[in-house]
N, C-alpha and C. Protein backbone atom coordinates (compact mmCIF):
# COMPACT_ATOMS: atom_id res chain seq x y z
N MET A 1 68.64 110.06 137.62
CA MET A 1 69.34 108.83 137.28
C MET A 1 69.57 108.74 135.77
N LYS A 2 68.61 109.19 134.99
CA LYS A 2 68.77 109.12 133.53
C LYS A 2 70.04 109.84 133.10
N GLU A 3 70.28 111.01 133.62
CA GLU A 3 71.48 111.78 133.24
C GLU A 3 72.76 110.98 133.50
N ILE A 4 72.80 110.31 134.63
CA ILE A 4 73.98 109.51 134.99
C ILE A 4 74.21 108.41 133.95
N TYR A 5 73.16 107.68 133.60
CA TYR A 5 73.33 106.53 132.71
C TYR A 5 73.47 106.92 131.25
N VAL A 6 72.92 108.04 130.85
CA VAL A 6 73.21 108.56 129.51
C VAL A 6 74.68 108.93 129.43
N LYS A 7 75.18 109.58 130.46
CA LYS A 7 76.59 109.96 130.47
C LYS A 7 77.49 108.72 130.48
N TYR A 8 77.10 107.71 131.23
CA TYR A 8 77.91 106.49 131.32
C TYR A 8 77.92 105.74 129.98
N ALA A 9 76.77 105.67 129.31
CA ALA A 9 76.71 105.02 128.00
C ALA A 9 77.47 105.83 126.95
N SER A 10 77.43 107.14 127.06
CA SER A 10 78.19 108.01 126.16
C SER A 10 79.69 107.82 126.39
N TYR A 11 80.09 107.75 127.65
CA TYR A 11 81.49 107.47 127.98
C TYR A 11 81.93 106.13 127.39
N ASN A 12 81.07 105.12 127.51
CA ASN A 12 81.39 103.80 126.98
C ASN A 12 81.69 103.87 125.49
N LEU A 13 80.85 104.55 124.75
CA LEU A 13 81.06 104.70 123.31
C LEU A 13 82.36 105.45 123.04
N TRP A 14 82.61 106.52 123.76
CA TRP A 14 83.84 107.31 123.62
C TRP A 14 85.08 106.43 123.84
N ALA A 15 85.08 105.66 124.92
CA ALA A 15 86.23 104.80 125.23
C ALA A 15 86.37 103.68 124.20
N ASN A 16 85.26 103.11 123.76
CA ASN A 16 85.32 102.05 122.75
C ASN A 16 85.86 102.59 121.43
N ARG A 17 85.46 103.80 121.06
CA ARG A 17 86.01 104.41 119.83
C ARG A 17 87.52 104.57 119.93
N ARG A 18 87.99 105.04 121.07
CA ARG A 18 89.42 105.26 121.26
C ARG A 18 90.20 103.94 121.11
N LEU A 19 89.68 102.88 121.68
CA LEU A 19 90.39 101.60 121.57
C LEU A 19 90.31 101.04 120.16
N ALA A 20 89.16 101.14 119.53
CA ALA A 20 89.03 100.65 118.15
C ALA A 20 90.00 101.39 117.24
N GLU A 21 90.09 102.70 117.38
CA GLU A 21 91.02 103.49 116.55
C GLU A 21 92.47 103.08 116.80
N THR A 22 92.80 102.79 118.04
CA THR A 22 94.18 102.40 118.37
C THR A 22 94.50 101.02 117.81
N PHE A 23 93.60 100.07 118.00
CA PHE A 23 93.83 98.71 117.50
C PHE A 23 93.76 98.63 115.98
N ALA A 24 93.08 99.56 115.35
CA ALA A 24 92.98 99.55 113.89
C ALA A 24 94.34 99.76 113.23
N THR A 25 95.34 100.19 113.99
CA THR A 25 96.69 100.36 113.44
C THR A 25 97.43 99.03 113.29
N LEU A 26 96.91 97.99 113.91
CA LEU A 26 97.57 96.67 113.84
C LEU A 26 97.14 95.89 112.60
N PRO A 27 98.04 95.07 112.06
CA PRO A 27 97.63 94.17 110.97
C PRO A 27 96.60 93.15 111.50
N GLU A 28 95.75 92.68 110.62
CA GLU A 28 94.69 91.75 111.03
C GLU A 28 95.27 90.50 111.70
N ALA A 29 96.41 90.03 111.23
CA ALA A 29 97.03 88.84 111.84
C ALA A 29 97.36 89.06 113.31
N GLU A 30 97.76 90.27 113.65
CA GLU A 30 98.07 90.59 115.05
C GLU A 30 96.79 90.56 115.90
N MET A 31 95.69 91.01 115.32
CA MET A 31 94.42 91.02 116.03
C MET A 31 93.92 89.62 116.34
N GLU A 32 94.40 88.65 115.57
CA GLU A 32 93.99 87.27 115.78
C GLU A 32 95.07 86.43 116.48
N ALA A 33 96.18 87.07 116.83
CA ALA A 33 97.27 86.35 117.51
C ALA A 33 96.79 85.85 118.87
N THR A 34 97.24 84.66 119.24
CA THR A 34 96.85 84.06 120.51
C THR A 34 97.58 84.76 121.66
N ILE A 35 96.80 85.21 122.63
CA ILE A 35 97.31 85.86 123.84
C ILE A 35 96.52 85.28 125.01
N VAL A 36 97.19 84.92 126.07
CA VAL A 36 96.50 84.38 127.24
C VAL A 36 95.73 85.51 127.92
N SER A 37 94.41 85.36 127.96
CA SER A 37 93.53 86.32 128.62
C SER A 37 92.16 85.66 128.73
N SER A 38 91.13 86.42 129.07
CA SER A 38 89.78 85.84 129.15
C SER A 38 89.36 85.28 127.81
N PHE A 39 89.76 85.95 126.74
CA PHE A 39 89.51 85.49 125.38
C PHE A 39 90.86 85.44 124.67
N PRO A 40 91.08 84.47 123.79
CA PRO A 40 92.43 84.21 123.29
C PRO A 40 92.98 85.15 122.21
N SER A 41 92.27 86.24 121.89
CA SER A 41 92.81 87.21 120.94
C SER A 41 92.12 88.55 121.15
N ALA A 42 92.74 89.59 120.64
CA ALA A 42 92.12 90.92 120.71
C ALA A 42 90.81 90.92 119.92
N ARG A 43 90.83 90.30 118.75
CA ARG A 43 89.60 90.23 117.94
C ARG A 43 88.45 89.62 118.73
N LEU A 44 88.70 88.49 119.37
CA LEU A 44 87.65 87.82 120.13
C LEU A 44 87.21 88.62 121.35
N THR A 45 88.11 89.41 121.91
CA THR A 45 87.74 90.26 123.04
C THR A 45 86.83 91.39 122.57
N PHE A 46 87.14 92.01 121.44
CA PHE A 46 86.24 93.03 120.88
C PHE A 46 84.87 92.43 120.60
N LEU A 47 84.86 91.23 120.03
CA LEU A 47 83.58 90.57 119.74
C LEU A 47 82.82 90.24 121.02
N HIS A 48 83.52 89.87 122.06
CA HIS A 48 82.86 89.57 123.33
C HIS A 48 82.20 90.82 123.91
N ILE A 49 82.88 91.96 123.85
CA ILE A 49 82.27 93.20 124.34
C ILE A 49 81.01 93.50 123.53
N TRP A 50 81.09 93.34 122.23
CA TRP A 50 79.92 93.55 121.37
C TRP A 50 78.79 92.59 121.76
N ASP A 51 79.15 91.31 121.95
CA ASP A 51 78.14 90.33 122.36
C ASP A 51 77.43 90.79 123.63
N ALA A 52 78.20 91.14 124.64
CA ALA A 52 77.61 91.51 125.93
C ALA A 52 76.74 92.76 125.81
N GLU A 53 77.23 93.79 125.13
CA GLU A 53 76.43 95.00 124.97
C GLU A 53 75.15 94.71 124.19
N SER A 54 75.24 93.85 123.18
CA SER A 54 74.06 93.49 122.39
C SER A 54 73.04 92.72 123.23
N LEU A 55 73.53 91.75 124.00
CA LEU A 55 72.63 90.96 124.84
C LEU A 55 71.92 91.82 125.88
N TRP A 56 72.69 92.69 126.55
CA TRP A 56 72.08 93.53 127.58
C TRP A 56 71.11 94.53 126.96
N LEU A 57 71.42 95.04 125.80
CA LEU A 57 70.48 95.94 125.13
C LEU A 57 69.18 95.20 124.80
N GLU A 58 69.30 94.00 124.27
CA GLU A 58 68.11 93.20 123.97
C GLU A 58 67.27 92.98 125.23
N ARG A 59 67.92 92.67 126.33
CA ARG A 59 67.20 92.44 127.59
C ARG A 59 66.51 93.71 128.05
N LEU A 60 67.19 94.84 127.93
CA LEU A 60 66.57 96.12 128.30
C LEU A 60 65.35 96.42 127.44
N GLN A 61 65.35 95.91 126.22
CA GLN A 61 64.24 96.12 125.28
C GLN A 61 63.13 95.08 125.47
N GLY A 62 63.29 94.20 126.46
CA GLY A 62 62.24 93.23 126.74
C GLY A 62 62.40 91.88 126.08
N ASN A 63 63.56 91.65 125.47
CA ASN A 63 63.82 90.38 124.78
C ASN A 63 64.77 89.51 125.60
N SER A 64 64.79 88.25 125.28
CA SER A 64 65.71 87.31 125.92
C SER A 64 66.45 86.53 124.83
N PRO A 65 67.53 87.10 124.29
CA PRO A 65 68.25 86.40 123.22
C PRO A 65 68.76 85.04 123.68
N THR A 66 68.88 84.14 122.74
CA THR A 66 69.29 82.77 123.07
C THR A 66 70.68 82.42 122.54
N THR A 67 71.30 83.35 121.86
CA THR A 67 72.64 83.09 121.33
C THR A 67 73.42 84.39 121.26
N PHE A 68 74.72 84.26 121.19
CA PHE A 68 75.60 85.43 121.07
C PHE A 68 75.64 85.88 119.61
N PRO A 69 75.53 87.18 119.35
CA PRO A 69 75.55 87.65 117.96
C PRO A 69 76.82 87.26 117.20
N SER A 70 77.94 87.17 117.90
CA SER A 70 79.20 86.87 117.21
C SER A 70 79.25 85.44 116.66
N LYS A 71 78.35 84.59 117.10
CA LYS A 71 78.35 83.19 116.62
C LYS A 71 78.19 83.11 115.11
N THR A 72 77.51 84.09 114.53
CA THR A 72 77.29 84.07 113.08
C THR A 72 78.06 85.20 112.37
N PHE A 73 78.92 85.88 113.09
CA PHE A 73 79.67 86.99 112.51
C PHE A 73 80.85 86.46 111.70
N GLU A 74 81.01 86.97 110.48
CA GLU A 74 82.08 86.48 109.60
C GLU A 74 82.94 87.59 109.02
N GLY A 75 82.82 88.82 109.50
CA GLY A 75 83.52 89.94 108.90
C GLY A 75 85.00 90.01 109.23
N ASP A 76 85.71 90.85 108.46
CA ASP A 76 87.12 91.09 108.74
C ASP A 76 87.25 92.04 109.93
N ILE A 77 88.47 92.42 110.26
CA ILE A 77 88.69 93.22 111.46
C ILE A 77 88.05 94.60 111.35
N ASN A 78 88.00 95.17 110.15
CA ASN A 78 87.32 96.46 110.01
C ASN A 78 85.83 96.31 110.29
N ALA A 79 85.25 95.21 109.90
CA ALA A 79 83.84 94.94 110.19
C ALA A 79 83.64 94.70 111.69
N VAL A 80 84.63 94.08 112.34
CA VAL A 80 84.56 93.89 113.79
C VAL A 80 84.45 95.26 114.47
N PHE A 81 85.36 96.16 114.11
CA PHE A 81 85.34 97.49 114.73
C PHE A 81 84.04 98.23 114.43
N ALA A 82 83.59 98.17 113.19
CA ALA A 82 82.36 98.88 112.81
C ALA A 82 81.15 98.32 113.58
N THR A 83 81.06 97.01 113.68
CA THR A 83 79.95 96.37 114.36
C THR A 83 80.00 96.65 115.86
N PHE A 84 81.18 96.57 116.42
CA PHE A 84 81.43 96.87 117.84
C PHE A 84 80.95 98.28 118.17
N LEU A 85 81.34 99.25 117.37
CA LEU A 85 80.96 100.64 117.63
C LEU A 85 79.48 100.90 117.34
N LYS A 86 78.96 100.26 116.32
CA LYS A 86 77.53 100.41 116.02
C LYS A 86 76.69 99.90 117.20
N GLY A 87 77.14 98.82 117.82
CA GLY A 87 76.43 98.29 118.99
C GLY A 87 76.46 99.27 120.17
N SER A 88 77.61 99.89 120.40
CA SER A 88 77.72 100.87 121.49
C SER A 88 76.87 102.11 121.19
N GLU A 89 76.80 102.50 119.92
CA GLU A 89 75.95 103.62 119.52
C GLU A 89 74.48 103.29 119.77
N ALA A 90 74.07 102.07 119.44
CA ALA A 90 72.68 101.66 119.64
C ALA A 90 72.33 101.63 121.13
N PHE A 91 73.27 101.18 121.95
CA PHE A 91 73.05 101.14 123.39
C PHE A 91 72.82 102.55 123.92
N LEU A 92 73.69 103.48 123.51
CA LEU A 92 73.54 104.87 123.93
C LEU A 92 72.21 105.45 123.45
N ALA A 93 71.87 105.24 122.20
CA ALA A 93 70.62 105.77 121.66
C ALA A 93 69.41 105.24 122.45
N PHE A 94 69.45 103.98 122.82
CA PHE A 94 68.35 103.41 123.60
C PHE A 94 68.26 104.08 124.96
N VAL A 95 69.38 104.20 125.65
CA VAL A 95 69.38 104.82 126.98
C VAL A 95 68.88 106.26 126.90
N GLU A 96 69.34 106.99 125.91
CA GLU A 96 68.91 108.39 125.74
C GLU A 96 67.40 108.51 125.51
N ALA A 97 66.82 107.53 124.85
CA ALA A 97 65.41 107.60 124.47
C ALA A 97 64.45 107.21 125.60
N GLN A 98 64.98 106.70 126.71
CA GLN A 98 64.09 106.21 127.77
C GLN A 98 63.61 107.34 128.68
N PRO A 99 62.36 107.23 129.14
CA PRO A 99 61.89 108.19 130.14
C PRO A 99 62.58 107.93 131.48
N SER A 100 62.63 108.91 132.30
CA SER A 100 63.34 108.79 133.59
C SER A 100 62.84 107.62 134.42
N ALA A 101 61.55 107.34 134.38
CA ALA A 101 60.98 106.26 135.19
C ALA A 101 61.51 104.88 134.77
N PHE A 102 61.96 104.74 133.54
CA PHE A 102 62.43 103.45 133.04
C PHE A 102 63.56 102.88 133.89
N PHE A 103 64.44 103.71 134.35
CA PHE A 103 65.67 103.25 135.00
C PHE A 103 65.40 102.51 136.32
N GLU A 104 64.28 102.80 136.97
CA GLU A 104 63.91 102.12 138.22
C GLU A 104 63.06 100.88 137.99
N GLN A 105 62.63 100.66 136.77
CA GLN A 105 61.77 99.51 136.48
C GLN A 105 62.52 98.19 136.65
N SER A 106 61.84 97.20 137.20
CA SER A 106 62.38 95.85 137.26
C SER A 106 62.01 95.14 135.97
N LEU A 107 63.00 94.54 135.36
CA LEU A 107 62.80 93.88 134.07
C LEU A 107 63.10 92.38 134.21
N PHE A 108 62.25 91.58 133.63
CA PHE A 108 62.42 90.13 133.62
C PHE A 108 63.10 89.73 132.32
N PHE A 109 64.01 88.79 132.40
CA PHE A 109 64.66 88.27 131.21
C PHE A 109 65.22 86.89 131.51
N LYS A 110 65.54 86.17 130.45
CA LYS A 110 66.20 84.87 130.57
C LYS A 110 67.60 85.03 130.00
N THR A 111 68.59 84.51 130.71
CA THR A 111 69.96 84.55 130.22
C THR A 111 70.26 83.27 129.45
N ILE A 112 71.34 83.30 128.73
CA ILE A 112 71.77 82.12 127.98
C ILE A 112 72.24 81.03 128.93
N SER A 113 72.91 81.42 130.02
CA SER A 113 73.54 80.44 130.91
C SER A 113 72.91 80.30 132.29
N TYR A 114 72.20 81.32 132.78
CA TYR A 114 71.77 81.31 134.19
C TYR A 114 70.27 81.35 134.39
N GLY A 115 69.51 81.20 133.35
CA GLY A 115 68.06 81.11 133.49
C GLY A 115 67.37 82.45 133.71
N GLU A 116 66.23 82.39 134.39
CA GLU A 116 65.38 83.56 134.57
C GLU A 116 65.97 84.52 135.60
N GLN A 117 65.86 85.80 135.29
CA GLN A 117 66.41 86.84 136.16
C GLN A 117 65.46 88.04 136.16
N THR A 118 65.55 88.83 137.20
CA THR A 118 64.87 90.11 137.27
C THR A 118 65.86 91.12 137.85
N GLN A 119 66.02 92.23 137.17
CA GLN A 119 66.90 93.30 137.65
C GLN A 119 66.28 94.62 137.25
N ARG A 120 66.64 95.66 138.01
CA ARG A 120 66.21 96.99 137.61
C ARG A 120 67.05 97.44 136.41
N ALA A 121 66.45 98.24 135.58
CA ALA A 121 67.11 98.68 134.34
C ALA A 121 68.45 99.35 134.62
N PHE A 122 68.51 100.24 135.61
CA PHE A 122 69.77 100.92 135.87
C PHE A 122 70.86 99.96 136.29
N GLU A 123 70.51 98.89 136.99
CA GLU A 123 71.51 97.89 137.39
C GLU A 123 72.03 97.14 136.17
N MET A 124 71.16 96.87 135.24
CA MET A 124 71.56 96.18 134.01
C MET A 124 72.51 97.06 133.20
N ILE A 125 72.17 98.32 133.07
CA ILE A 125 73.03 99.26 132.33
C ILE A 125 74.37 99.39 133.02
N HIS A 126 74.34 99.56 134.33
CA HIS A 126 75.58 99.73 135.08
C HIS A 126 76.48 98.50 134.92
N HIS A 127 75.89 97.33 135.05
CA HIS A 127 76.68 96.10 134.88
C HIS A 127 77.30 96.04 133.49
N CYS A 128 76.51 96.31 132.48
CA CYS A 128 77.00 96.20 131.10
C CYS A 128 78.15 97.17 130.84
N MET A 129 78.01 98.41 131.27
CA MET A 129 79.07 99.39 131.04
C MET A 129 80.33 99.03 131.85
N ASN A 130 80.14 98.53 133.06
CA ASN A 130 81.28 98.11 133.88
C ASN A 130 81.98 96.91 133.24
N HIS A 131 81.21 96.00 132.69
CA HIS A 131 81.76 94.83 132.01
C HIS A 131 82.63 95.26 130.82
N SER A 132 82.15 96.23 130.06
CA SER A 132 82.93 96.73 128.92
C SER A 132 84.23 97.36 129.39
N THR A 133 84.17 98.10 130.48
CA THR A 133 85.38 98.72 131.04
C THR A 133 86.40 97.65 131.42
N PHE A 134 85.94 96.60 132.07
CA PHE A 134 86.82 95.50 132.47
C PHE A 134 87.57 94.93 131.26
N HIS A 135 86.83 94.66 130.19
CA HIS A 135 87.46 94.06 129.02
C HIS A 135 88.30 95.07 128.23
N ARG A 136 87.98 96.36 128.30
CA ARG A 136 88.88 97.35 127.68
C ARG A 136 90.24 97.31 128.37
N GLY A 137 90.24 97.13 129.68
CA GLY A 137 91.52 97.00 130.39
C GLY A 137 92.30 95.80 129.90
N GLN A 138 91.62 94.70 129.67
CA GLN A 138 92.30 93.53 129.11
C GLN A 138 92.85 93.82 127.72
N LEU A 139 92.07 94.54 126.91
CA LEU A 139 92.54 94.88 125.57
C LEU A 139 93.81 95.72 125.61
N ILE A 140 93.90 96.62 126.55
CA ILE A 140 95.12 97.43 126.65
C ILE A 140 96.31 96.55 126.97
N THR A 141 96.14 95.61 127.89
CA THR A 141 97.24 94.69 128.21
C THR A 141 97.59 93.83 126.99
N MET A 142 96.59 93.37 126.28
CA MET A 142 96.83 92.57 125.07
C MET A 142 97.54 93.41 124.02
N GLY A 143 97.09 94.65 123.85
CA GLY A 143 97.70 95.54 122.86
C GLY A 143 99.17 95.80 123.14
N ARG A 144 99.50 95.95 124.40
CA ARG A 144 100.92 96.15 124.75
C ARG A 144 101.74 94.93 124.34
N GLN A 145 101.17 93.75 124.52
CA GLN A 145 101.87 92.53 124.12
C GLN A 145 101.99 92.43 122.59
N LEU A 146 101.10 93.10 121.89
CA LEU A 146 101.13 93.10 120.43
C LEU A 146 101.97 94.24 119.87
N GLY A 147 102.56 95.05 120.75
CA GLY A 147 103.46 96.10 120.30
C GLY A 147 102.89 97.51 120.28
N ILE A 148 101.66 97.70 120.72
CA ILE A 148 101.13 99.07 120.81
C ILE A 148 101.78 99.71 122.03
N GLU A 149 102.50 100.79 121.79
CA GLU A 149 103.24 101.43 122.87
C GLU A 149 102.46 102.54 123.56
N LYS A 150 101.54 103.17 122.84
CA LYS A 150 100.82 104.30 123.43
C LYS A 150 99.32 104.14 123.21
N PHE A 151 98.61 104.24 124.30
CA PHE A 151 97.15 104.19 124.26
C PHE A 151 96.59 105.54 124.70
N PRO A 152 95.49 105.95 124.10
CA PRO A 152 94.83 107.17 124.60
C PRO A 152 94.19 106.84 125.95
N PRO A 153 94.08 107.82 126.83
CA PRO A 153 93.39 107.56 128.10
C PRO A 153 91.93 107.18 127.84
N THR A 154 91.45 106.21 128.60
CA THR A 154 90.06 105.79 128.46
C THR A 154 89.32 105.84 129.80
N ASP A 155 89.91 106.44 130.81
CA ASP A 155 89.24 106.56 132.10
C ASP A 155 88.09 107.55 132.02
N PHE A 156 87.08 107.32 132.85
CA PHE A 156 85.92 108.18 132.91
C PHE A 156 86.30 109.63 133.21
N ALA A 157 87.29 109.81 134.08
CA ALA A 157 87.73 111.18 134.42
C ALA A 157 88.24 111.92 133.18
N TYR A 158 88.94 111.23 132.29
CA TYR A 158 89.44 111.86 131.06
C TYR A 158 88.26 112.22 130.14
N TYR A 159 87.27 111.36 130.12
CA TYR A 159 86.07 111.65 129.32
C TYR A 159 85.41 112.92 129.85
N LEU A 160 85.27 113.02 131.15
CA LEU A 160 84.65 114.21 131.74
C LEU A 160 85.46 115.46 131.45
N ARG A 161 86.79 115.34 131.50
CA ARG A 161 87.64 116.50 131.18
C ARG A 161 87.44 116.93 129.74
N GLU A 162 87.34 115.94 128.86
CA GLU A 162 87.14 116.27 127.44
C GLU A 162 85.78 116.93 127.22
N LEU A 163 84.77 116.50 127.96
CA LEU A 163 83.45 117.13 127.87
C LEU A 163 83.51 118.59 128.31
N GLY A 164 84.40 118.87 129.26
CA GLY A 164 84.50 120.21 129.80
C GLY A 164 85.18 121.20 128.88
N LYS A 165 85.74 120.71 127.75
CA LYS A 165 86.43 121.60 126.81
C LYS A 165 85.48 122.56 126.17
């Protein structure tokens, strides 16, 4: 199981890098333009992915954060991308460092909105990576509305093909 989730967290970082590099071509004003979606701008969507990955990492580490990290974030768009990717790197590093038995462990945590929870570590990782994938799809739709015509592939199958090179 460890191999699966290390690969999945590595894929997540790979896909996040590709999107950050693509969106970095836009002016900052475009990143903050209002677009109807789960979050009202590309910037806020990137920050939401960072928030979720940070919260789930904290929970995997035995903590129960009480606020979203982006609540106090004040950086420009380059800082958004750097922080977003640093968070994905930290998530991968944590997953890589765990012993195989960790993934089956049930972990207790408190959420910001839903109270006390218990989940196995692998379920938490799977949910978090799937959540990031969902919002990357939204970012691609938002990016098209902002004028980005070409996106690099971010599907897991493309990641596996690239690994095979």
